[in-house]
Amino acid sequence: MIKIICGTKGSGKTKKIIDAANGAIEKAKGHLIFITDTKRYMYDLKRDIRFIDVSDYSIAGEEALCGFIKGAIAGGYDNEYVYIDGVTRIAGKDIKDMAQLFYMLEKVATLRSLTVTLTCSCAEEELPDFVKKYL
């Protein structure tokens, strides 16, 4: 399952995704992974959540991000939730140009029974059709 948290810059998307990750700890049977491009929110997450700052790994583009996410997920078969804060910022692309990433996420989420939650900075009406189905 894929979920999208969207909104304009400063609308509280990061707080929502952090709250969702912290709240999922209570019901999760598997591991939680939180991927972002800053260490700023590391201490806002509960310590049971695996925090990954991609700026340590020089992710360049959508394909590199796809590979990185697959690698993080492949690190354990008991992963249950994946949170990605600022997916467009990390990939360096507009959301309308990221169909490949969403196709890969849907495929992996279904195959591995994952819940993937992403944030993207845009208004709901600006989302392309291939993303709107995840609202």
N, C-alpha and C. Protein backbone atom coordinates (compact mmCIF):
# COMPACT_ATOMS: atom_id res chain seq x y z
N MET A 1 0.84 -1.17 0.00
CA MET A 1 0.00 0.00 0.00
C MET A 1 0.88 1.23 0.00
N ILE A 2 0.50 2.22 -0.78
CA ILE A 2 1.22 3.49 -0.84
C ILE A 2 0.28 4.60 -0.38
N LYS A 3 0.82 5.50 0.43
CA LYS A 3 0.06 6.65 0.91
C LYS A 3 0.87 7.91 0.60
N ILE A 4 0.17 8.97 0.25
CA ILE A 4 0.82 10.25 -0.07
C ILE A 4 0.36 11.30 0.92
N ILE A 5 1.31 12.08 1.42
CA ILE A 5 1.01 13.27 2.21
C ILE A 5 1.53 14.43 1.37
N CYS A 6 0.62 15.25 0.87
CA CYS A 6 1.04 16.36 0.03
C CYS A 6 0.57 17.67 0.62
N GLY A 7 1.17 18.73 0.15
CA GLY A 7 0.83 20.07 0.60
C GLY A 7 1.94 21.02 0.21
N THR A 8 1.65 22.29 0.28
CA THR A 8 2.65 23.28 -0.08
C THR A 8 3.74 23.35 1.00
N LYS A 9 4.83 23.98 0.66
CA LYS A 9 5.95 24.13 1.60
C LYS A 9 5.46 24.82 2.88
N GLY A 10 5.83 24.23 4.01
CA GLY A 10 5.44 24.80 5.30
C GLY A 10 4.07 24.38 5.79
N SER A 11 3.45 23.42 5.14
CA SER A 11 2.09 23.02 5.53
C SER A 11 2.07 21.90 6.58
N GLY A 12 3.23 21.43 7.03
CA GLY A 12 3.27 20.45 8.10
C GLY A 12 3.38 19.00 7.65
N LYS A 13 3.83 18.77 6.43
CA LYS A 13 3.95 17.40 5.90
C LYS A 13 4.94 16.58 6.71
N THR A 14 6.09 17.15 7.03
CA THR A 14 7.11 16.41 7.77
C THR A 14 6.61 16.03 9.15
N LYS A 15 5.93 16.92 9.81
CA LYS A 15 5.38 16.60 11.13
C LYS A 15 4.38 15.45 11.01
N LYS A 16 3.54 15.46 9.97
CA LYS A 16 2.55 14.40 9.78
C LYS A 16 3.23 13.05 9.55
N ILE A 17 4.28 13.02 8.73
CA ILE A 17 4.93 11.74 8.45
C ILE A 17 5.70 11.23 9.67
N ILE A 18 6.28 12.14 10.44
CA ILE A 18 6.97 11.74 11.68
C ILE A 18 5.96 11.19 12.68
N ASP A 19 4.82 11.87 12.83
CA ASP A 19 3.77 11.39 13.72
C ASP A 19 3.24 10.02 13.28
N ALA A 20 3.11 9.84 11.96
CA ALA A 20 2.63 8.55 11.43
C ALA A 20 3.64 7.44 11.75
N ALA A 21 4.91 7.73 11.57
CA ALA A 21 5.96 6.73 11.86
C ALA A 21 5.98 6.40 13.34
N ASN A 22 5.97 7.40 14.19
CA ASN A 22 5.99 7.16 15.63
C ASN A 22 4.73 6.42 16.09
N GLY A 23 3.60 6.72 15.49
CA GLY A 23 2.36 6.05 15.85
C GLY A 23 2.30 4.61 15.39
N ALA A 24 2.99 4.29 14.31
CA ALA A 24 2.97 2.93 13.77
C ALA A 24 3.79 1.96 14.62
N ILE A 25 4.67 2.47 15.47
CA ILE A 25 5.50 1.62 16.33
C ILE A 25 4.64 0.70 17.17
N GLU A 26 3.53 1.21 17.68
CA GLU A 26 2.67 0.43 18.58
C GLU A 26 2.02 -0.76 17.90
N LYS A 27 1.65 -0.62 16.63
CA LYS A 27 0.94 -1.69 15.94
C LYS A 27 1.83 -2.53 15.01
N ALA A 28 3.05 -2.09 14.76
CA ALA A 28 3.94 -2.78 13.82
C ALA A 28 4.44 -4.09 14.40
N LYS A 29 4.43 -5.10 13.56
CA LYS A 29 5.02 -6.39 13.92
C LYS A 29 6.43 -6.49 13.35
N GLY A 30 6.69 -5.70 12.28
CA GLY A 30 7.99 -5.70 11.62
C GLY A 30 8.72 -4.39 11.86
N HIS A 31 9.75 -4.15 11.05
CA HIS A 31 10.58 -2.96 11.18
C HIS A 31 10.02 -1.78 10.40
N LEU A 32 10.41 -0.59 10.84
CA LEU A 32 10.04 0.66 10.18
C LEU A 32 11.31 1.33 9.68
N ILE A 33 11.24 1.88 8.47
CA ILE A 33 12.37 2.59 7.87
C ILE A 33 11.91 4.00 7.55
N PHE A 34 12.72 5.00 7.91
CA PHE A 34 12.41 6.40 7.63
C PHE A 34 13.56 6.96 6.80
N ILE A 35 13.25 7.36 5.56
CA ILE A 35 14.27 7.87 4.63
C ILE A 35 14.02 9.35 4.39
N THR A 36 15.06 10.15 4.52
CA THR A 36 14.97 11.59 4.27
C THR A 36 16.33 12.09 3.82
N ASP A 37 16.45 13.38 3.61
CA ASP A 37 17.72 13.93 3.14
C ASP A 37 18.33 14.94 4.13
N THR A 38 18.01 14.76 5.40
CA THR A 38 18.56 15.64 6.44
C THR A 38 18.58 14.89 7.77
N LYS A 39 19.49 15.27 8.62
CA LYS A 39 19.54 14.68 9.97
C LYS A 39 18.67 15.47 10.95
N ARG A 40 18.06 16.52 10.47
CA ARG A 40 17.31 17.46 11.31
C ARG A 40 16.25 16.79 12.18
N TYR A 41 15.58 15.76 11.65
CA TYR A 41 14.46 15.16 12.38
C TYR A 41 14.81 13.82 13.04
N MET A 42 16.07 13.49 13.05
CA MET A 42 16.52 12.20 13.58
C MET A 42 16.04 11.98 15.01
N TYR A 43 16.07 13.00 15.83
CA TYR A 43 15.73 12.84 17.24
C TYR A 43 14.23 13.00 17.51
N ASP A 44 13.47 13.32 16.47
CA ASP A 44 12.01 13.40 16.61
C ASP A 44 11.37 12.02 16.46
N LEU A 45 12.12 11.09 15.89
CA LEU A 45 11.61 9.72 15.68
C LEU A 45 11.98 8.83 16.85
N LYS A 46 11.11 7.88 17.15
CA LYS A 46 11.40 6.91 18.21
C LYS A 46 12.58 6.05 17.77
N ARG A 47 13.36 5.61 18.72
CA ARG A 47 14.62 4.93 18.40
C ARG A 47 14.44 3.57 17.73
N ASP A 48 13.25 2.99 17.76
CA ASP A 48 13.01 1.73 17.09
C ASP A 48 12.88 1.88 15.57
N ILE A 49 12.78 3.10 15.10
CA ILE A 49 12.64 3.36 13.66
C ILE A 49 14.04 3.50 13.05
N ARG A 50 14.28 2.76 11.98
CA ARG A 50 15.57 2.83 11.29
C ARG A 50 15.61 4.11 10.46
N PHE A 51 16.46 5.05 10.88
CA PHE A 51 16.56 6.36 10.24
C PHE A 51 17.70 6.34 9.22
N ILE A 52 17.39 6.78 7.98
CA ILE A 52 18.41 6.83 6.93
C ILE A 52 18.41 8.22 6.32
N ASP A 53 19.54 8.89 6.39
CA ASP A 53 19.74 10.19 5.75
C ASP A 53 20.46 9.93 4.42
N VAL A 54 19.75 10.09 3.30
CA VAL A 54 20.34 9.78 2.00
C VAL A 54 21.43 10.74 1.59
N SER A 55 21.55 11.89 2.25
CA SER A 55 22.62 12.82 1.90
C SER A 55 23.99 12.22 2.20
N ASP A 56 24.03 11.18 3.02
CA ASP A 56 25.28 10.48 3.30
C ASP A 56 25.70 9.57 2.15
N TYR A 57 24.80 9.34 1.17
CA TYR A 57 25.03 8.36 0.12
C TYR A 57 25.03 8.94 -1.29
N SER A 58 24.97 10.25 -1.44
CA SER A 58 25.04 10.91 -2.75
C SER A 58 24.05 10.33 -3.76
N ILE A 59 22.79 10.28 -3.39
CA ILE A 59 21.74 9.81 -4.29
C ILE A 59 21.56 10.86 -5.39
N ALA A 60 21.67 10.43 -6.64
CA ALA A 60 21.56 11.36 -7.77
C ALA A 60 20.51 10.83 -8.75
N GLY A 61 19.30 11.31 -8.63
CA GLY A 61 18.26 10.97 -9.58
C GLY A 61 17.30 9.90 -9.11
N GLU A 62 16.25 9.74 -9.91
CA GLU A 62 15.17 8.82 -9.59
C GLU A 62 15.62 7.36 -9.61
N GLU A 63 16.43 6.99 -10.59
CA GLU A 63 16.89 5.59 -10.67
C GLU A 63 17.75 5.23 -9.46
N ALA A 64 18.62 6.14 -9.06
CA ALA A 64 19.45 5.89 -7.89
C ALA A 64 18.61 5.77 -6.63
N LEU A 65 17.58 6.61 -6.53
CA LEU A 65 16.68 6.55 -5.38
C LEU A 65 15.92 5.22 -5.37
N CYS A 66 15.45 4.77 -6.53
CA CYS A 66 14.76 3.47 -6.63
C CYS A 66 15.67 2.35 -6.13
N GLY A 67 16.90 2.33 -6.60
CA GLY A 67 17.85 1.32 -6.17
C GLY A 67 18.15 1.39 -4.68
N PHE A 68 18.28 2.60 -4.16
CA PHE A 68 18.56 2.79 -2.73
C PHE A 68 17.41 2.26 -1.88
N ILE A 69 16.18 2.59 -2.28
CA ILE A 69 15.00 2.13 -1.52
C ILE A 69 14.92 0.61 -1.55
N LYS A 70 15.13 0.02 -2.72
CA LYS A 70 15.10 -1.45 -2.83
C LYS A 70 16.17 -2.07 -1.93
N GLY A 71 17.34 -1.47 -1.90
CA GLY A 71 18.42 -1.99 -1.05
C GLY A 71 18.08 -1.89 0.42
N ALA A 72 17.48 -0.76 0.82
CA ALA A 72 17.09 -0.59 2.23
C ALA A 72 16.05 -1.62 2.62
N ILE A 73 15.10 -1.87 1.73
CA ILE A 73 14.04 -2.85 2.00
C ILE A 73 14.61 -4.26 2.03
N ALA A 74 15.53 -4.55 1.12
CA ALA A 74 16.12 -5.88 1.03
C ALA A 74 17.00 -6.22 2.24
N GLY A 75 17.34 -5.21 3.03
CA GLY A 75 18.16 -5.43 4.20
C GLY A 75 17.51 -6.28 5.28
N GLY A 76 16.22 -6.53 5.15
CA GLY A 76 15.53 -7.36 6.13
C GLY A 76 14.16 -7.77 5.62
N TYR A 77 13.80 -9.01 5.83
CA TYR A 77 12.51 -9.50 5.35
C TYR A 77 11.36 -9.18 6.30
N ASP A 78 11.66 -8.55 7.42
CA ASP A 78 10.61 -8.22 8.37
C ASP A 78 10.27 -6.73 8.36
N ASN A 79 10.62 -6.03 7.27
CA ASN A 79 10.23 -4.62 7.14
C ASN A 79 8.74 -4.55 6.88
N GLU A 80 8.09 -3.59 7.52
CA GLU A 80 6.64 -3.46 7.38
C GLU A 80 6.21 -2.08 6.90
N TYR A 81 6.90 -1.04 7.35
CA TYR A 81 6.58 0.33 6.99
C TYR A 81 7.82 1.04 6.46
N VAL A 82 7.63 1.81 5.39
CA VAL A 82 8.69 2.65 4.84
C VAL A 82 8.13 4.06 4.72
N TYR A 83 8.86 5.03 5.24
CA TYR A 83 8.47 6.43 5.18
C TYR A 83 9.55 7.18 4.42
N ILE A 84 9.13 7.98 3.43
CA ILE A 84 10.09 8.75 2.64
C ILE A 84 9.65 10.21 2.67
N ASP A 85 10.44 11.03 3.32
CA ASP A 85 10.12 12.45 3.46
C ASP A 85 10.84 13.24 2.38
N GLY A 86 10.08 13.94 1.53
CA GLY A 86 10.67 14.78 0.49
C GLY A 86 11.15 14.00 -0.72
N VAL A 87 10.32 13.13 -1.23
CA VAL A 87 10.72 12.24 -2.33
C VAL A 87 11.16 13.02 -3.56
N THR A 88 10.48 14.11 -3.89
CA THR A 88 10.87 14.88 -5.08
C THR A 88 12.18 15.61 -4.86
N ARG A 89 12.40 16.08 -3.66
CA ARG A 89 13.65 16.77 -3.32
C ARG A 89 14.82 15.80 -3.40
N ILE A 90 14.63 14.58 -2.90
CA ILE A 90 15.69 13.58 -2.93
C ILE A 90 16.01 13.17 -4.37
N ALA A 91 14.97 12.93 -5.17
CA ALA A 91 15.16 12.49 -6.56
C ALA A 91 15.59 13.63 -7.48
N GLY A 92 15.32 14.86 -7.07
CA GLY A 92 15.67 16.00 -7.91
C GLY A 92 14.79 16.13 -9.14
N LYS A 93 13.53 15.69 -9.01
CA LYS A 93 12.58 15.75 -10.13
C LYS A 93 11.23 16.25 -9.65
N ASP A 94 10.44 16.72 -10.59
CA ASP A 94 9.05 17.07 -10.29
C ASP A 94 8.24 15.79 -10.14
N ILE A 95 7.20 15.84 -9.34
CA ILE A 95 6.35 14.67 -9.10
C ILE A 95 5.74 14.15 -10.40
N LYS A 96 5.44 15.02 -11.34
CA LYS A 96 4.83 14.60 -12.60
C LYS A 96 5.77 13.76 -13.45
N ASP A 97 7.06 13.81 -13.17
CA ASP A 97 8.06 13.06 -13.93
C ASP A 97 8.55 11.82 -13.19
N MET A 98 7.82 11.37 -12.16
CA MET A 98 8.30 10.27 -11.33
C MET A 98 7.43 9.02 -11.40
N ALA A 99 6.83 8.75 -12.52
CA ALA A 99 5.98 7.57 -12.68
C ALA A 99 6.76 6.28 -12.43
N GLN A 100 8.01 6.24 -12.86
CA GLN A 100 8.83 5.04 -12.67
C GLN A 100 8.99 4.70 -11.19
N LEU A 101 9.24 5.70 -10.38
CA LEU A 101 9.41 5.48 -8.94
C LEU A 101 8.13 4.93 -8.32
N PHE A 102 7.00 5.49 -8.66
CA PHE A 102 5.73 5.04 -8.09
C PHE A 102 5.37 3.63 -8.56
N TYR A 103 5.69 3.32 -9.81
CA TYR A 103 5.47 1.97 -10.31
C TYR A 103 6.32 0.98 -9.51
N MET A 104 7.59 1.30 -9.28
CA MET A 104 8.49 0.43 -8.52
C MET A 104 8.00 0.29 -7.08
N LEU A 105 7.60 1.39 -6.45
CA LEU A 105 7.14 1.34 -5.07
C LEU A 105 5.89 0.48 -4.94
N GLU A 106 4.96 0.62 -5.87
CA GLU A 106 3.74 -0.18 -5.82
C GLU A 106 4.05 -1.66 -5.96
N LYS A 107 4.95 -1.98 -6.86
CA LYS A 107 5.34 -3.37 -7.09
C LYS A 107 6.01 -3.97 -5.85
N VAL A 108 6.96 -3.26 -5.28
CA VAL A 108 7.69 -3.73 -4.10
C VAL A 108 6.77 -3.79 -2.89
N ALA A 109 5.91 -2.78 -2.73
CA ALA A 109 4.99 -2.76 -1.58
C ALA A 109 4.05 -3.96 -1.62
N THR A 110 3.56 -4.30 -2.81
CA THR A 110 2.67 -5.45 -2.95
C THR A 110 3.42 -6.75 -2.70
N LEU A 111 4.59 -6.88 -3.30
CA LEU A 111 5.39 -8.10 -3.17
C LEU A 111 5.81 -8.38 -1.74
N ARG A 112 6.18 -7.32 -1.00
CA ARG A 112 6.72 -7.47 0.35
C ARG A 112 5.73 -7.11 1.45
N SER A 113 4.47 -6.84 1.11
CA SER A 113 3.43 -6.44 2.07
C SER A 113 3.85 -5.24 2.90
N LEU A 114 4.31 -4.21 2.24
CA LEU A 114 4.77 -2.99 2.89
C LEU A 114 3.72 -1.90 2.80
N THR A 115 3.77 -1.00 3.77
CA THR A 115 3.03 0.25 3.69
C THR A 115 4.07 1.34 3.50
N VAL A 116 4.01 2.02 2.36
CA VAL A 116 4.97 3.07 2.02
C VAL A 116 4.24 4.40 2.08
N THR A 117 4.77 5.32 2.86
CA THR A 117 4.19 6.66 2.99
C THR A 117 5.22 7.67 2.52
N LEU A 118 4.80 8.59 1.65
CA LEU A 118 5.70 9.60 1.09
C LEU A 118 5.14 10.99 1.27
N THR A 119 6.02 11.97 1.36
CA THR A 119 5.59 13.37 1.32
C THR A 119 6.08 13.98 0.02
N CYS A 120 5.29 14.89 -0.50
CA CYS A 120 5.72 15.67 -1.66
C CYS A 120 5.14 17.07 -1.55
N SER A 121 5.95 18.05 -1.94
CA SER A 121 5.57 19.46 -1.83
C SER A 121 4.82 19.92 -3.07
N CYS A 122 3.53 19.76 -3.04
CA CYS A 122 2.67 20.32 -4.07
C CYS A 122 1.23 20.23 -3.58
N ALA A 123 0.40 21.04 -4.16
CA ALA A 123 -1.02 21.02 -3.80
C ALA A 123 -1.66 19.77 -4.37
N GLU A 124 -2.69 19.29 -3.73
CA GLU A 124 -3.37 18.06 -4.14
C GLU A 124 -3.84 18.11 -5.59
N GLU A 125 -4.32 19.26 -6.02
CA GLU A 125 -4.81 19.37 -7.39
C GLU A 125 -3.69 19.36 -8.43
N GLU A 126 -2.45 19.54 -8.00
CA GLU A 126 -1.30 19.50 -8.92
C GLU A 126 -0.73 18.09 -9.09
N LEU A 127 -1.22 17.13 -8.31
CA LEU A 127 -0.71 15.77 -8.41
C LEU A 127 -1.12 15.13 -9.73
N PRO A 128 -0.20 14.40 -10.37
CA PRO A 128 -0.57 13.68 -11.59
C PRO A 128 -1.50 12.52 -11.25
N ASP A 129 -2.21 12.02 -12.25
CA ASP A 129 -3.20 10.96 -12.04
C ASP A 129 -2.59 9.69 -11.44
N PHE A 130 -1.34 9.36 -11.83
CA PHE A 130 -0.75 8.14 -11.30
C PHE A 130 -0.41 8.24 -9.82
N VAL A 131 -0.48 9.43 -9.25
CA VAL A 131 -0.23 9.63 -7.82
C VAL A 131 -1.54 9.82 -7.05
N LYS A 132 -2.54 10.42 -7.67
CA LYS A 132 -3.80 10.72 -6.99
C LYS A 132 -4.47 9.48 -6.41
N LYS A 133 -4.26 8.34 -7.02
CA LYS A 133 -4.91 7.12 -6.52
C LYS A 133 -4.37 6.70 -5.15
N TYR A 134 -3.27 7.29 -4.69
CA TYR A 134 -2.70 6.93 -3.40
C TYR A 134 -3.11 7.88 -2.28
N LEU A 135 -3.95 8.87 -2.58
CA LEU A 135 -4.38 9.81 -1.54
C LEU A 135 -5.30 9.15 -0.55
